[in-house]
Amino acid sequence: MELYRKTLLAVMALGFAWGGTPAWADECGPVPEAPAVVDGKTATMDELVANSQAVKAFIAAADDWLDCNEAFVQSDAFKKLSTAEQQRRLDLNSRLLDERNAIGDRFNEQVAAWKEAHPE
């Protein structure tokens, strides 16, 4: 996993360099995006299982990004950023942490709704 992450970051760094993305963006890669959570009342078991896997993958990716960002915030590279860029990075961290913490609850609510809709 670590080799994959380093390779991904290296490839993304090249892409960011060509695309004009802020210098800090290649440190941890793009901020992971949360998947939509299925509606437990209408979802099939297969959809619920697939959604569970997507939620777990997002949480793992968010944890990796948050760990990387925590290290980056302590670095000299972060300290060289403008105050606005530093705040932007901290805001991204905060939003991702909130989403990471909330998605499990939202998914569990939909599992409960699925169980209610499929009593067996």
N, C-alpha and C. Protein backbone atom coordinates (compact mmCIF):
# COMPACT_ATOMS: atom_id res chain seq x y z
N MET A 1 0.82 -1.19 0.00
CA MET A 1 0.00 0.00 0.00
C MET A 1 0.87 1.26 0.00
N GLU A 2 1.93 1.25 0.78
CA GLU A 2 2.79 2.42 0.86
C GLU A 2 3.48 2.69 -0.48
N LEU A 3 3.92 1.64 -1.17
CA LEU A 3 4.55 1.82 -2.48
C LEU A 3 3.53 2.39 -3.46
N TYR A 4 2.31 1.86 -3.42
CA TYR A 4 1.24 2.38 -4.28
C TYR A 4 1.02 3.86 -4.02
N ARG A 5 0.94 4.22 -2.76
CA ARG A 5 0.70 5.62 -2.39
C ARG A 5 1.82 6.53 -2.87
N LYS A 6 3.07 6.09 -2.69
CA LYS A 6 4.20 6.90 -3.13
C LYS A 6 4.20 7.06 -4.64
N THR A 7 3.88 5.98 -5.35
CA THR A 7 3.82 6.03 -6.81
C THR A 7 2.71 6.97 -7.25
N LEU A 8 1.55 6.82 -6.63
CA LEU A 8 0.42 7.69 -6.96
C LEU A 8 0.78 9.15 -6.72
N LEU A 9 1.40 9.44 -5.60
CA LEU A 9 1.78 10.82 -5.29
C LEU A 9 2.78 11.36 -6.31
N ALA A 10 3.71 10.53 -6.73
CA ALA A 10 4.70 10.96 -7.72
C ALA A 10 4.03 11.28 -9.06
N VAL A 11 3.11 10.42 -9.48
CA VAL A 11 2.40 10.66 -10.74
C VAL A 11 1.54 11.92 -10.63
N MET A 12 0.88 12.07 -9.50
CA MET A 12 0.05 13.25 -9.31
C MET A 12 0.89 14.52 -9.26
N ALA A 13 2.06 14.42 -8.69
CA ALA A 13 2.94 15.59 -8.62
C ALA A 13 3.28 16.08 -10.01
N LEU A 14 3.54 15.15 -10.93
CA LEU A 14 3.82 15.54 -12.30
C LEU A 14 2.60 16.22 -12.92
N GLY A 15 1.44 15.63 -12.70
CA GLY A 15 0.21 16.22 -13.25
C GLY A 15 -0.05 17.59 -12.68
N PHE A 16 0.15 17.76 -11.38
CA PHE A 16 -0.07 19.05 -10.77
C PHE A 16 0.93 20.08 -11.29
N ALA A 17 2.15 19.65 -11.51
CA ALA A 17 3.18 20.57 -12.01
C ALA A 17 2.78 21.11 -13.38
N TRP A 18 2.18 20.25 -14.20
CA TRP A 18 1.74 20.69 -15.52
C TRP A 18 0.46 21.51 -15.46
N GLY A 19 -0.37 21.24 -14.44
CA GLY A 19 -1.69 21.86 -14.38
C GLY A 19 -1.76 23.14 -13.57
N GLY A 20 -0.70 23.54 -12.93
CA GLY A 20 -0.70 24.78 -12.19
C GLY A 20 -1.41 24.71 -10.84
N THR A 21 -1.57 23.52 -10.29
CA THR A 21 -2.18 23.36 -8.98
C THR A 21 -1.22 23.88 -7.92
N PRO A 22 -1.71 24.38 -6.80
CA PRO A 22 -0.82 24.88 -5.75
C PRO A 22 0.24 23.86 -5.37
N ALA A 23 1.40 24.35 -4.98
CA ALA A 23 2.55 23.48 -4.69
C ALA A 23 2.25 22.46 -3.61
N TRP A 24 1.43 22.81 -2.63
CA TRP A 24 1.18 21.87 -1.54
C TRP A 24 0.29 20.71 -1.95
N ALA A 25 -0.43 20.82 -3.06
CA ALA A 25 -1.42 19.82 -3.42
C ALA A 25 -0.80 18.45 -3.68
N ASP A 26 0.45 18.43 -4.11
CA ASP A 26 1.06 17.13 -4.41
C ASP A 26 1.59 16.45 -3.15
N GLU A 27 1.58 17.12 -2.03
CA GLU A 27 2.07 16.52 -0.79
C GLU A 27 1.24 15.31 -0.38
N CYS A 28 -0.06 15.42 -0.43
CA CYS A 28 -0.95 14.35 0.05
C CYS A 28 -1.94 13.89 -1.00
N GLY A 29 -1.86 14.45 -2.18
CA GLY A 29 -2.80 14.09 -3.23
C GLY A 29 -4.12 14.82 -3.04
N PRO A 30 -5.06 14.52 -3.89
CA PRO A 30 -6.35 15.20 -3.79
C PRO A 30 -7.09 14.77 -2.53
N VAL A 31 -7.92 15.64 -2.03
CA VAL A 31 -8.73 15.31 -0.85
C VAL A 31 -9.75 14.26 -1.29
N PRO A 32 -9.83 13.14 -0.59
CA PRO A 32 -10.79 12.10 -0.98
C PRO A 32 -12.22 12.64 -0.93
N GLU A 33 -13.04 12.16 -1.86
CA GLU A 33 -14.44 12.55 -1.90
C GLU A 33 -15.29 11.41 -1.36
N ALA A 34 -16.22 11.76 -0.50
CA ALA A 34 -17.10 10.76 0.10
C ALA A 34 -18.08 10.23 -0.93
N PRO A 35 -18.36 8.95 -0.88
CA PRO A 35 -19.37 8.40 -1.78
C PRO A 35 -20.76 8.79 -1.28
N ALA A 36 -21.72 8.75 -2.18
CA ALA A 36 -23.10 8.94 -1.76
C ALA A 36 -23.50 7.73 -0.92
N VAL A 37 -24.34 7.95 0.05
CA VAL A 37 -24.83 6.86 0.88
C VAL A 37 -26.19 6.44 0.32
N VAL A 38 -26.36 5.13 0.12
CA VAL A 38 -27.59 4.62 -0.47
C VAL A 38 -28.78 4.84 0.47
N ASP A 39 -29.95 4.82 -0.10
CA ASP A 39 -31.19 4.89 0.67
C ASP A 39 -31.53 3.47 1.11
N GLY A 40 -31.44 3.24 2.40
CA GLY A 40 -31.67 1.90 2.93
C GLY A 40 -33.06 1.36 2.68
N LYS A 41 -34.04 2.23 2.52
CA LYS A 41 -35.42 1.78 2.29
C LYS A 41 -35.60 1.17 0.92
N THR A 42 -34.78 1.62 -0.06
CA THR A 42 -34.96 1.15 -1.44
C THR A 42 -33.78 0.36 -1.97
N ALA A 43 -32.66 0.36 -1.27
CA ALA A 43 -31.46 -0.32 -1.77
C ALA A 43 -31.60 -1.84 -1.70
N THR A 44 -30.94 -2.50 -2.62
CA THR A 44 -30.85 -3.95 -2.55
C THR A 44 -29.71 -4.32 -1.62
N MET A 45 -29.65 -5.58 -1.25
CA MET A 45 -28.55 -6.04 -0.41
C MET A 45 -27.22 -5.83 -1.13
N ASP A 46 -27.17 -6.11 -2.42
CA ASP A 46 -25.94 -5.91 -3.18
C ASP A 46 -25.51 -4.44 -3.19
N GLU A 47 -26.47 -3.53 -3.32
CA GLU A 47 -26.16 -2.10 -3.29
C GLU A 47 -25.65 -1.68 -1.92
N LEU A 48 -26.26 -2.24 -0.88
CA LEU A 48 -25.84 -1.92 0.48
C LEU A 48 -24.42 -2.41 0.74
N VAL A 49 -24.11 -3.62 0.28
CA VAL A 49 -22.76 -4.17 0.45
C VAL A 49 -21.74 -3.34 -0.33
N ALA A 50 -22.08 -3.00 -1.57
CA ALA A 50 -21.17 -2.19 -2.38
C ALA A 50 -20.95 -0.83 -1.74
N ASN A 51 -22.01 -0.25 -1.19
CA ASN A 51 -21.89 1.04 -0.53
C ASN A 51 -21.03 0.94 0.71
N SER A 52 -21.18 -0.15 1.44
CA SER A 52 -20.34 -0.38 2.62
C SER A 52 -18.87 -0.39 2.24
N GLN A 53 -18.56 -1.06 1.15
CA GLN A 53 -17.17 -1.11 0.68
C GLN A 53 -16.67 0.27 0.27
N ALA A 54 -17.53 1.05 -0.39
CA ALA A 54 -17.15 2.40 -0.81
C ALA A 54 -16.93 3.30 0.41
N VAL A 55 -17.80 3.16 1.40
CA VAL A 55 -17.65 3.97 2.63
C VAL A 55 -16.36 3.61 3.34
N LYS A 56 -16.08 2.31 3.46
CA LYS A 56 -14.85 1.87 4.12
C LYS A 56 -13.61 2.36 3.35
N ALA A 57 -13.67 2.31 2.02
CA ALA A 57 -12.54 2.79 1.21
C ALA A 57 -12.34 4.30 1.41
N PHE A 58 -13.45 5.04 1.46
CA PHE A 58 -13.34 6.48 1.70
C PHE A 58 -12.73 6.76 3.06
N ILE A 59 -13.18 6.07 4.08
CA ILE A 59 -12.65 6.30 5.43
C ILE A 59 -11.15 6.01 5.46
N ALA A 60 -10.73 4.93 4.81
CA ALA A 60 -9.29 4.60 4.75
C ALA A 60 -8.52 5.68 4.00
N ALA A 61 -9.05 6.14 2.87
CA ALA A 61 -8.38 7.19 2.10
C ALA A 61 -8.34 8.49 2.89
N ALA A 62 -9.43 8.80 3.58
CA ALA A 62 -9.46 10.01 4.40
C ALA A 62 -8.44 9.93 5.53
N ASP A 63 -8.35 8.77 6.17
CA ASP A 63 -7.36 8.60 7.24
C ASP A 63 -5.95 8.80 6.71
N ASP A 64 -5.66 8.24 5.53
CA ASP A 64 -4.33 8.41 4.93
C ASP A 64 -4.06 9.89 4.64
N TRP A 65 -5.04 10.58 4.05
CA TRP A 65 -4.86 11.98 3.72
C TRP A 65 -4.67 12.81 4.98
N LEU A 66 -5.50 12.56 5.99
CA LEU A 66 -5.39 13.31 7.24
C LEU A 66 -4.05 13.08 7.93
N ASP A 67 -3.56 11.83 7.90
CA ASP A 67 -2.23 11.55 8.47
C ASP A 67 -1.14 12.30 7.71
N CYS A 68 -1.24 12.26 6.39
CA CYS A 68 -0.26 12.96 5.56
C CYS A 68 -0.32 14.46 5.82
N ASN A 69 -1.52 15.00 5.86
CA ASN A 69 -1.69 16.43 6.08
C ASN A 69 -1.16 16.85 7.44
N GLU A 70 -1.39 16.01 8.45
CA GLU A 70 -0.88 16.33 9.79
C GLU A 70 0.64 16.47 9.76
N ALA A 71 1.29 15.57 9.03
CA ALA A 71 2.75 15.66 8.91
C ALA A 71 3.14 16.89 8.09
N PHE A 72 2.39 17.18 7.02
CA PHE A 72 2.71 18.32 6.17
C PHE A 72 2.58 19.63 6.94
N VAL A 73 1.56 19.75 7.77
CA VAL A 73 1.33 20.98 8.54
C VAL A 73 2.50 21.26 9.48
N GLN A 74 3.23 20.25 9.86
CA GLN A 74 4.39 20.42 10.74
C GLN A 74 5.67 20.73 9.96
N SER A 75 5.59 20.68 8.63
CA SER A 75 6.79 20.80 7.80
C SER A 75 7.17 22.26 7.51
N ASP A 76 8.41 22.43 7.08
CA ASP A 76 8.86 23.75 6.65
C ASP A 76 8.12 24.20 5.39
N ALA A 77 7.78 23.26 4.52
CA ALA A 77 7.06 23.60 3.29
C ALA A 77 5.72 24.27 3.62
N PHE A 78 5.03 23.76 4.62
CA PHE A 78 3.76 24.36 5.03
C PHE A 78 4.00 25.77 5.57
N LYS A 79 5.03 25.92 6.37
CA LYS A 79 5.31 27.22 6.99
C LYS A 79 5.68 28.27 5.95
N LYS A 80 6.12 27.84 4.77
CA LYS A 80 6.48 28.77 3.70
C LYS A 80 5.27 29.23 2.89
N LEU A 81 4.13 28.56 3.08
CA LEU A 81 2.93 28.95 2.36
C LEU A 81 2.40 30.27 2.91
N SER A 82 1.64 30.95 2.08
CA SER A 82 1.00 32.18 2.56
C SER A 82 -0.01 31.82 3.65
N THR A 83 -0.35 32.80 4.43
CA THR A 83 -1.33 32.58 5.50
C THR A 83 -2.64 32.06 4.91
N ALA A 84 -3.04 32.61 3.77
CA ALA A 84 -4.29 32.18 3.12
C ALA A 84 -4.21 30.72 2.70
N GLU A 85 -3.08 30.32 2.13
CA GLU A 85 -2.92 28.92 1.71
C GLU A 85 -2.86 27.99 2.92
N GLN A 86 -2.22 28.43 3.98
CA GLN A 86 -2.19 27.62 5.20
C GLN A 86 -3.61 27.42 5.72
N GLN A 87 -4.39 28.50 5.75
CA GLN A 87 -5.76 28.39 6.24
C GLN A 87 -6.60 27.51 5.33
N ARG A 88 -6.38 27.62 4.04
CA ARG A 88 -7.11 26.78 3.08
C ARG A 88 -6.83 25.31 3.36
N ARG A 89 -5.58 25.00 3.61
CA ARG A 89 -5.20 23.62 3.90
C ARG A 89 -5.83 23.14 5.21
N LEU A 90 -5.84 23.98 6.21
CA LEU A 90 -6.44 23.62 7.50
C LEU A 90 -7.96 23.45 7.36
N ASP A 91 -8.58 24.29 6.52
CA ASP A 91 -10.02 24.17 6.28
C ASP A 91 -10.34 22.86 5.56
N LEU A 92 -9.52 22.48 4.59
CA LEU A 92 -9.71 21.19 3.91
C LEU A 92 -9.64 20.05 4.92
N ASN A 93 -8.67 20.14 5.80
CA ASN A 93 -8.50 19.12 6.82
C ASN A 93 -9.75 19.01 7.70
N SER A 94 -10.25 20.15 8.12
CA SER A 94 -11.41 20.18 8.99
C SER A 94 -12.64 19.60 8.30
N ARG A 95 -12.87 20.01 7.06
CA ARG A 95 -14.04 19.50 6.32
C ARG A 95 -13.94 18.00 6.09
N LEU A 96 -12.75 17.52 5.74
CA LEU A 96 -12.58 16.09 5.51
C LEU A 96 -12.77 15.31 6.80
N LEU A 97 -12.24 15.80 7.89
CA LEU A 97 -12.41 15.12 9.17
C LEU A 97 -13.89 15.05 9.55
N ASP A 98 -14.61 16.14 9.36
CA ASP A 98 -16.04 16.14 9.65
C ASP A 98 -16.78 15.11 8.79
N GLU A 99 -16.47 15.10 7.49
CA GLU A 99 -17.12 14.16 6.58
C GLU A 99 -16.74 12.73 6.91
N ARG A 100 -15.50 12.50 7.24
CA ARG A 100 -15.02 11.16 7.61
C ARG A 100 -15.76 10.65 8.84
N ASN A 101 -15.97 11.52 9.80
CA ASN A 101 -16.64 11.12 11.03
C ASN A 101 -18.15 10.94 10.84
N ALA A 102 -18.75 11.69 9.92
CA ALA A 102 -20.19 11.65 9.73
C ALA A 102 -20.67 10.53 8.82
N ILE A 103 -19.86 10.12 7.88
CA ILE A 103 -20.35 9.17 6.88
C ILE A 103 -20.68 7.81 7.49
N GLY A 104 -19.95 7.39 8.46
CA GLY A 104 -20.24 6.11 9.11
C GLY A 104 -21.60 6.13 9.77
N ASP A 105 -21.91 7.23 10.42
CA ASP A 105 -23.23 7.36 11.06
C ASP A 105 -24.35 7.36 10.01
N ARG A 106 -24.14 8.11 8.93
CA ARG A 106 -25.16 8.14 7.87
C ARG A 106 -25.37 6.75 7.27
N PHE A 107 -24.27 6.03 7.04
CA PHE A 107 -24.39 4.69 6.48
C PHE A 107 -25.11 3.76 7.46
N ASN A 108 -24.75 3.82 8.74
CA ASN A 108 -25.40 2.96 9.73
C ASN A 108 -26.89 3.25 9.84
N GLU A 109 -27.29 4.51 9.67
CA GLU A 109 -28.71 4.85 9.66
C GLU A 109 -29.41 4.16 8.49
N GLN A 110 -28.73 4.08 7.36
CA GLN A 110 -29.33 3.45 6.18
C GLN A 110 -29.36 1.92 6.32
N VAL A 111 -28.40 1.36 7.01
CA VAL A 111 -28.45 -0.08 7.30
C VAL A 111 -29.67 -0.37 8.17
N ALA A 112 -29.90 0.46 9.17
CA ALA A 112 -31.07 0.29 10.03
C ALA A 112 -32.36 0.43 9.21
N ALA A 113 -32.39 1.38 8.28
CA ALA A 113 -33.57 1.56 7.42
C ALA A 113 -33.76 0.34 6.52
N TRP A 114 -32.66 -0.23 6.04
CA TRP A 114 -32.75 -1.44 5.20
C TRP A 114 -33.32 -2.59 6.01
N LYS A 115 -32.83 -2.76 7.22
CA LYS A 115 -33.32 -3.84 8.08
C LYS A 115 -34.81 -3.66 8.38
N GLU A 116 -35.23 -2.43 8.59
CA GLU A 116 -36.64 -2.16 8.84
C GLU A 116 -37.49 -2.47 7.61
N ALA A 117 -36.96 -2.16 6.43
CA ALA A 117 -37.69 -2.40 5.18
C ALA A 117 -37.66 -3.88 4.77
N HIS A 118 -36.74 -4.65 5.35
CA HIS A 118 -36.60 -6.06 4.98
C HIS A 118 -36.60 -6.95 6.21
N PRO A 119 -37.67 -6.90 6.98
CA PRO A 119 -37.69 -7.77 8.19
C PRO A 119 -37.80 -9.23 7.78
N GLU A 120 -36.91 -10.01 8.28
CA GLU A 120 -36.95 -11.45 7.92
C GLU A 120 -36.54 -12.29 9.07
